[in-house]
């Protein structure tokens, strides 16, 4: 196994974490004027830089390609290592016990939003919690375009190349894709901050909500607001998080204004500029509507909202059509994106049917190139098309069938692996629920709900599990939930490939 490559990936992750400490330092300097708080976060960042540089020293070397087994091991141990540094503010301030602080940090980094942190915690800790969610999703996006396609590309991840981006295990190409996805992620975060600011929130609350919604971290935090535009801003941000970030890159790149050619008169240059801009906008619209996964995602959200609207009007819960539409859309988007935000003033109106339907939407998730959890829409599309093709083939045995998602053909090998992935998720869910049921602090139904929430990275499923369910777990249950969160975020494959690679290596060395 290439341990140098593993150390190099950990060093880059720790250096990225160290940069993230600049935000709480800025808040402590400009808002609190607290020197001790500034030194506290500066010390954590310096410690992370020191350990990162130490890993970089032992991880130096010339690497042209990323080995699969080393990549799988690297992404498995990355979240626990960062969590050891990220839990220090929760632990040293005394708001959480050591195990609770570690579970909270792992839940934030995997964008599950467990929200073990008390609601009366200081604003600086809420800011740190939100930044951990944002940082964890950023690291996941970087892995999504670099490491994960090599680890589990045949299980459907490679289908997101229909957004116009290819994957490569070459280090230079991986660094290029990382820079591109960071630019897209930061751009969408800025757009989300602007939406919340325009809705009436101040800068810091806008920043917190933007980081929670774009990262799909969510949790049980939603600021007090006097305008329903804040809820629409959250819907806008969570819809952005549902989409394919590789598709976003193409759209944003095409929206860059074209250069005006010089050497012509002013009116000719202006005419050429607007003609190119119109062609660019037309191409972007065609690109979005040609993406079948995005169209199916928005169609599911639309019909889900209609279904909830019919239910709430049938029972007479709402008499204001605007309020009913807003809250139905909010909950559908919140759990379809696996964000899991609940509005405090309407949580009591969640019906059992709503809970079941929201649970179903949360297990599906968003697009496969997004930061959401769940099964992913494109895999559901493939399974539906495979079922329809098999029905047609049963009626017409000699008919040749082909599975396509948009303009991208799906090889039968990928179809088989998606079926294997579905079976693997169900088996993993049953095993995790069985193990958690041995914890005397939970019943079997609570163990099932916790397993589903952790594997889907939606720690706040309404009526299924909440923060108290995680607080009441034993030490074994909390450690096991951390493992489920990491496995669920990385979609099981990294664990299987790492274990299989180590076993194969051991057998080879013994021979």
Foldseek 3Di string as FASTA:
>chain_A
DQVLVLLLLLLVLLLVVLVLLVVLLVCCVPPVVDPVSNVVSNVLSVVSNVSSVVSNVSNDDDDFFDDQLSLLVSLLCNLQVVLVSLLVVCDVVPQDPPLVSSLLLLLLLLLLQQPLRDPPDDPSVLLSSLSSLLSSLLVLLLCLQERLCSLCVLQPSQVLCLLVDHHDRTPVVSVVSSVLLVVLLVVLLVVLLVQQVVQPDDNSLSNSLSSLQLSLNAYADDDDDDGCSNLVSSLVSLLNQQDASSNSSVLVVLQPQDDFDPPDDDVVSVVVRVVSNVVSVVVNVVSQVLQQQSVVLVVVLVVQLVVQLVVCVVVVVDPDPVVSSSQSSSLLSSQLQLSQYDDPVCLVVQDPVNLVVSLVSNQAHGASNGSFFHLHRVLVLQVVVVVVVVVVCVVVVVDDDWDDRRPRTRDVSSNVSNVVLVVVLVVQLVVQLVVQCVFPQDHSQLSSLLLSSLLRSHSNRRPRHHSVSQVSTDSVNSVSSSSSNSCSSSSVSSVVSNVVVVVVVVVVVVD
